[in-house]
Amino acid sequence: MRIFLTGATGFIGSAVLAELITAGHQVIGMTRSDEGAKSLAAAGAEVHRGALEDLDTIRSGAAKADAVIHTAFDHDFSKFVENCEKDRRVIGALGSVLKGSDRPLLVTSGAGVGGGTHGQPATEDVFDAGHPTPRIASELAGNELLDAGVNVSVMRLPQVHNTFKQGLISPLVAIAREKGVSAYVGKGRNRWPAGHLSDVARLYLLAIEKKEAGARYHAVGEEGVEARAIAEALARGLKLPTVSISAEKAAEHFGWLGMFVGMDMPASSAQTQAKLGWRPTGPKLIADLDAMRYS
């Protein structure tokens, strides 16, 4: 297939790009920069110049493709709500080009959107249109397109990691350096799901080839890693003490991350594994944190 890939030079998108090309697909990679264009060409992708703010370039990229994978997202979390709404508009623009065809569109969301109750892991079959996380906007946009006949599926991400980057954990490293302590909230028993970058990229490939309209997938290798274990791993790497912060002081200590650090959001990928035959084999989160070069 000719696949239009947004975020093609990003942390996750570049790994997806490599998987797609290795599998024999032609990739049209979107980038806004000259540097990005050079890296895409070197990887064997067709370059499409565009930006999330320019919906015309989004539509023109999708129009050239047999399938679309949307991994791009503005990760300025100080504007999280605004950026989630921007993502809604981008998904709408991508889908508008695919109406009247069976060309698949795979969009990206967060594993927390499938949140369970009473500490139960989030699951793929849970969809709550009134979910409080702003990231629900991405799935609402996908549902609107699904109702309009577009072949949309959703990839829900946990904390995606390797030894260089680990989702929301990477900003925690900077905060620990600044504050001189590696902190967690309360007893630190709240859990975050995780998935190794190589496993996540392979799942995007399997999902776009499956072309199942309405499917939701969880790219989860570990259902839940406790916040205290994460803080202790960072403390080992940075050679800092570990401390507990009260929930009341989380915003003061963690800044914008204060809204996330105390959340308990385990997630399961059992349905995804059964449906696609996907088996996570990459290193675990704590192993990657222990192997990271903190210097």
Protein backbone atom coordinates (compact mmCIF):
# COMPACT_ATOMS: atom_id res chain seq x y z
CA MET A 1 0.00 0.00 0.00
CA ARG A 2 0.91 3.65 -0.37
CA ILE A 3 0.56 4.91 3.19
CA PHE A 4 0.42 8.56 4.22
CA LEU A 5 2.13 8.87 7.61
CA THR A 6 1.85 12.00 9.74
CA GLY A 7 4.50 12.50 12.41
CA ALA A 8 6.84 10.48 10.22
CA THR A 9 10.00 11.98 11.74
CA GLY A 10 8.79 11.82 15.35
CA PHE A 11 9.73 9.39 18.11
CA ILE A 12 6.94 6.93 17.31
CA GLY A 13 6.36 7.86 13.67
CA SER A 14 9.97 7.24 12.63
CA ALA A 15 9.80 3.73 14.10
CA VAL A 16 6.47 3.10 12.34
CA LEU A 17 8.03 4.36 9.11
CA ALA A 18 10.82 1.79 9.35
CA GLU A 19 8.33 -1.03 10.02
CA LEU A 20 6.17 -0.06 7.04
CA ILE A 21 9.10 0.14 4.61
CA THR A 22 10.57 -3.15 5.85
CA ALA A 23 7.17 -4.76 5.24
CA GLY A 24 7.21 -3.55 1.63
CA HIS A 25 4.83 -0.60 1.82
CA GLN A 26 5.46 2.74 0.12
CA VAL A 27 5.36 5.58 2.62
CA ILE A 28 4.49 9.23 2.07
CA GLY A 29 5.96 10.89 5.14
CA MET A 30 4.82 14.32 6.29
CA THR A 31 7.31 16.84 7.63
CA ARG A 32 7.48 20.59 8.00
CA SER A 33 11.27 20.96 7.94
CA ASP A 34 14.17 20.61 5.54
CA GLU A 35 15.95 18.39 8.05
CA GLY A 36 12.90 16.15 8.27
CA ALA A 37 12.68 15.96 4.48
CA LYS A 38 16.30 14.78 4.30
CA SER A 39 15.77 12.07 6.92
CA LEU A 40 12.60 10.82 5.20
CA ALA A 41 14.31 10.65 1.82
CA ALA A 42 17.24 8.80 3.38
CA ALA A 43 14.82 6.28 4.89
CA GLY A 44 13.26 5.62 1.49
CA ALA A 45 10.02 7.56 1.96
CA GLU A 46 8.33 10.03 -0.35
CA VAL A 47 8.42 13.49 1.24
CA HIS A 48 5.20 15.47 1.78
CA ARG A 49 5.67 18.97 3.18
CA GLY A 50 2.90 19.90 5.58
CA ALA A 51 1.91 20.98 9.07
CA LEU A 52 -0.88 20.13 11.51
CA GLU A 53 -2.08 23.74 11.35
CA ASP A 54 -2.47 23.60 7.54
CA LEU A 55 -5.43 21.33 6.86
CA ASP A 56 -5.09 21.70 3.09
CA THR A 57 -1.67 20.01 3.21
CA ILE A 58 -3.17 17.30 5.43
CA ARG A 59 -5.93 16.62 2.90
CA SER A 60 -3.56 16.61 -0.08
CA GLY A 61 -1.30 14.05 1.59
CA ALA A 62 -4.19 11.71 2.37
CA ALA A 63 -5.54 12.08 -1.16
CA LYS A 64 -2.36 10.47 -2.57
CA ALA A 65 -2.55 7.37 -0.38
CA ASP A 66 -4.21 3.96 -0.12
CA ALA A 67 -4.13 4.22 3.68
CA VAL A 68 -3.38 6.81 6.37
CA ILE A 69 -1.64 6.48 9.74
CA HIS A 70 -1.87 9.53 11.98
CA THR A 71 0.83 9.61 14.67
CA ALA A 72 1.51 13.36 14.76
CA PHE A 73 0.51 15.30 17.88
CA ASP A 74 1.54 18.64 19.35
CA HIS A 75 3.17 17.64 22.65
CA ASP A 76 3.09 21.07 24.29
CA PHE A 77 1.18 19.88 27.34
CA SER A 78 0.81 23.42 28.68
CA LYS A 79 -1.78 23.66 25.86
CA PHE A 80 -3.07 20.10 26.14
CA VAL A 81 -6.78 20.86 25.69
CA GLU A 82 -6.09 23.16 22.76
CA ASN A 83 -3.84 20.59 21.11
CA CYS A 84 -6.41 17.81 21.54
CA GLU A 85 -8.94 20.00 19.73
CA LYS A 86 -6.36 20.60 17.00
CA ASP A 87 -6.01 16.84 16.67
CA ARG A 88 -9.78 16.56 16.27
CA ARG A 89 -9.63 18.97 13.33
CA VAL A 90 -6.71 17.11 11.72
CA ILE A 91 -8.52 13.76 11.98
CA GLY A 92 -11.60 15.34 10.43
CA ALA A 93 -9.52 16.67 7.55
CA LEU A 94 -7.88 13.28 6.93
CA GLY A 95 -11.22 11.51 6.98
CA SER A 96 -12.90 13.98 4.64
CA VAL A 97 -10.64 12.77 1.83
CA LEU A 98 -11.32 9.07 2.53
CA LYS A 99 -15.13 9.20 2.47
CA GLY A 100 -16.69 6.96 -0.15
CA SER A 101 -13.78 4.50 -0.13
CA ASP A 102 -12.55 1.62 2.01
CA ARG A 103 -9.11 3.20 2.46
CA PRO A 104 -8.22 2.76 6.15
CA LEU A 105 -7.39 5.57 8.57
CA LEU A 106 -5.55 4.64 11.79
CA VAL A 107 -5.59 7.44 14.36
CA THR A 108 -3.84 7.70 17.72
CA SER A 109 -5.28 8.15 21.21
CA GLY A 110 -4.30 7.35 24.80
CA ALA A 111 -4.79 4.07 26.66
CA GLY A 112 -6.46 5.95 29.50
CA VAL A 113 -9.49 6.65 27.30
CA GLY A 114 -10.52 3.03 27.80
CA GLY A 115 -10.33 3.52 31.55
CA GLY A 116 -11.79 0.86 33.80
CA THR A 117 -13.48 1.31 37.17
CA HIS A 118 -12.30 0.50 40.71
CA GLY A 119 -8.70 0.05 39.61
CA GLN A 120 -9.47 -2.33 36.76
CA PRO A 121 -7.27 -2.00 33.65
CA ALA A 122 -8.55 -0.03 30.68
CA THR A 123 -9.76 -2.28 27.86
CA GLU A 124 -10.21 -1.88 24.13
CA ASP A 125 -13.97 -2.39 24.20
CA VAL A 126 -14.59 0.54 26.55
CA PHE A 127 -15.52 3.84 24.93
CA ASP A 128 -16.85 6.69 27.07
CA ALA A 129 -17.80 9.74 25.00
CA GLY A 130 -17.91 11.78 28.21
CA HIS A 131 -14.46 10.74 29.42
CA PRO A 132 -12.80 13.68 31.25
CA THR A 133 -9.44 13.42 29.49
CA PRO A 134 -9.17 15.96 26.64
CA ARG A 135 -7.66 13.24 24.43
CA ILE A 136 -11.17 11.84 24.00
CA ALA A 137 -11.49 14.49 21.25
CA SER A 138 -9.40 12.29 18.94
CA GLU A 139 -11.72 9.32 19.36
CA LEU A 140 -14.84 11.46 19.07
CA ALA A 141 -13.51 12.72 15.73
CA GLY A 142 -12.87 9.14 14.66
CA ASN A 143 -16.40 8.09 15.64
CA GLU A 144 -17.90 10.89 13.59
CA LEU A 145 -15.99 9.66 10.56
CA LEU A 146 -16.95 6.05 11.28
CA ASP A 147 -20.62 7.10 11.28
CA ALA A 148 -19.97 8.77 7.91
CA GLY A 149 -18.68 5.52 6.44
CA VAL A 150 -14.93 6.07 6.79
CA ASN A 151 -12.83 3.00 7.69
CA VAL A 152 -11.37 4.32 10.96
CA SER A 153 -9.54 2.43 13.70
CA VAL A 154 -7.76 3.69 16.83
CA MET A 155 -4.36 2.99 18.36
CA ARG A 156 -4.31 3.78 22.08
CA LEU A 157 -0.84 4.42 23.45
CA PRO A 158 0.66 3.91 26.93
CA GLN A 159 4.03 5.37 27.96
CA VAL A 160 6.08 4.43 24.90
CA HIS A 161 9.74 3.92 25.74
CA ASN A 162 13.25 2.96 24.76
CA THR A 163 16.55 3.99 26.36
CA PHE A 164 16.34 7.52 24.93
CA LYS A 165 12.73 8.58 25.58
CA GLN A 166 9.82 7.37 27.71
CA GLY A 167 6.66 9.39 27.05
CA LEU A 168 5.63 11.51 30.03
CA ILE A 169 8.48 10.03 32.05
CA SER A 170 11.06 12.00 30.08
CA PRO A 171 9.80 15.33 31.48
CA LEU A 172 9.99 13.77 34.96
CA VAL A 173 13.74 13.43 34.45
CA ALA A 174 14.07 17.16 33.81
CA ILE A 175 11.91 17.96 36.86
CA ALA A 176 13.98 15.66 39.08
CA ARG A 177 17.19 17.36 37.92
CA GLU A 178 15.71 20.78 38.60
CA LYS A 179 14.27 19.92 42.03
CA GLY A 180 17.12 17.70 43.19
CA VAL A 181 14.75 14.85 44.10
CA SER A 182 12.88 12.12 42.24
CA ALA A 183 9.30 12.32 43.46
CA TYR A 184 6.04 10.40 43.34
CA VAL A 185 2.60 11.26 44.73
CA GLY A 186 1.38 9.77 48.01
CA LYS A 187 2.41 6.14 48.37
CA GLY A 188 3.29 5.92 44.68
CA ARG A 189 1.05 2.91 44.12
CA ASN A 190 -0.68 4.44 41.09
CA ARG A 191 0.23 2.67 37.84
CA TRP A 192 1.07 3.73 34.30
CA PRO A 193 0.92 1.28 31.37
CA ALA A 194 3.98 1.01 29.15
CA GLY A 195 5.03 -0.32 25.75
CA HIS A 196 8.43 -0.62 24.11
CA LEU A 197 8.84 1.45 20.94
CA SER A 198 9.66 -1.58 18.78
CA ASP A 199 6.49 -3.40 19.90
CA VAL A 200 4.35 -0.31 19.35
CA ALA A 201 5.68 0.27 15.83
CA ARG A 202 5.01 -3.34 14.88
CA LEU A 203 1.44 -3.05 16.15
CA TYR A 204 0.76 -0.02 13.95
CA LEU A 205 1.82 -2.15 10.96
CA LEU A 206 -0.46 -5.03 11.95
CA ALA A 207 -3.40 -2.70 12.57
CA ILE A 208 -3.19 -0.84 9.24
CA GLU A 209 -2.90 -4.14 7.38
CA LYS A 210 -5.93 -5.50 9.26
CA LYS A 211 -8.10 -2.60 7.95
CA GLU A 212 -10.85 -3.27 10.50
CA ALA A 213 -13.27 -0.36 10.75
CA GLY A 214 -14.13 0.59 14.33
CA ALA A 215 -11.35 -1.46 15.95
CA ARG A 216 -9.52 -0.12 18.98
CA TYR A 217 -6.08 -1.41 19.88
CA HIS A 218 -3.95 -1.06 23.02
CA ALA A 219 -0.19 -0.90 22.39
CA VAL A 220 0.45 -2.08 25.94
CA GLY A 221 3.31 -4.35 26.92
CA GLU A 222 3.00 -3.83 30.69
CA GLU A 223 -0.42 -3.23 32.23
CA GLY A 224 0.85 -0.99 34.98
CA VAL A 225 4.20 0.10 36.38
CA GLU A 226 3.95 1.73 39.80
CA ALA A 227 4.90 5.41 40.04
CA ARG A 228 7.20 4.72 42.99
CA ALA A 229 9.17 2.15 40.96
CA ILE A 230 9.53 4.70 38.16
CA ALA A 231 10.71 7.39 40.60
CA GLU A 232 13.19 5.01 42.19
CA ALA A 233 14.63 4.08 38.76
CA LEU A 234 15.09 7.76 37.94
CA ALA A 235 16.68 8.31 41.34
CA ARG A 236 19.19 5.53 40.67
CA GLY A 237 20.09 6.98 37.30
CA LEU A 238 20.34 10.57 38.47
CA LYS A 239 21.86 9.67 41.86
CA LEU A 240 19.17 11.62 43.70
CA PRO A 241 16.99 10.85 46.72
CA THR A 242 13.40 9.65 46.28
CA VAL A 243 10.60 11.53 48.04
CA SER A 244 6.83 11.40 48.36
CA ILE A 245 4.82 14.52 47.46
CA SER A 246 1.28 15.06 48.72
CA ALA A 247 -1.50 15.27 46.13
CA GLU A 248 -2.12 18.87 47.26
CA LYS A 249 1.44 19.87 46.36
CA ALA A 250 1.68 17.91 43.09
CA ALA A 251 0.93 20.89 40.85
CA GLU A 252 3.49 23.03 42.68
CA HIS A 253 6.21 20.39 42.38
CA PHE A 254 5.50 18.91 38.94
CA GLY A 255 4.00 21.90 37.09
CA TRP A 256 1.80 20.83 34.16
CA LEU A 257 2.66 17.19 34.88
CA GLY A 258 0.81 17.55 38.16
CA MET A 259 -2.43 16.65 36.39
CA PHE A 260 -1.00 13.24 35.38
CA VAL A 261 1.49 12.03 37.98
CA GLY A 262 -1.00 10.81 40.57
CA MET A 263 -3.33 9.08 38.11
CA ASP A 264 -3.84 5.33 38.36
CA MET A 265 -4.39 4.22 34.75
CA PRO A 266 -3.47 0.57 34.13
CA ALA A 267 -4.42 -0.82 30.74
CA SER A 268 -4.76 -4.26 29.19
CA SER A 269 -3.87 -5.37 25.67
CA ALA A 270 -5.44 -8.84 25.92
CA GLN A 271 -8.04 -8.14 23.23
CA THR A 272 -5.43 -6.61 20.91
CA GLN A 273 -3.12 -9.59 21.31
CA ALA A 274 -5.94 -12.04 20.62
CA LYS A 275 -7.17 -10.15 17.56
CA LEU A 276 -3.84 -9.45 15.85
CA GLY A 277 -1.56 -12.16 17.21
CA TRP A 278 0.69 -9.40 18.55
CA ARG A 279 3.07 -10.32 21.36
CA PRO A 280 5.18 -7.64 23.09
CA THR A 281 8.80 -8.78 23.26
CA GLY A 282 10.75 -5.56 23.87
CA PRO A 283 12.49 -4.57 27.12
CA LYS A 284 10.38 -3.51 30.11
CA LEU A 285 10.11 0.12 31.18
CA ILE A 286 12.26 -0.12 34.31
CA ALA A 287 14.95 -2.00 32.36
CA ASP A 288 15.07 0.83 29.82
CA LEU A 289 15.21 3.46 32.58
CA ASP A 290 18.09 1.58 34.23
CA ALA A 291 19.94 1.32 30.89
CA MET A 292 19.48 4.98 29.97
CA ARG A 293 22.49 7.34 29.91
CA TYR A 294 21.44 10.15 32.25
CA SER A 295 24.55 12.20 31.53
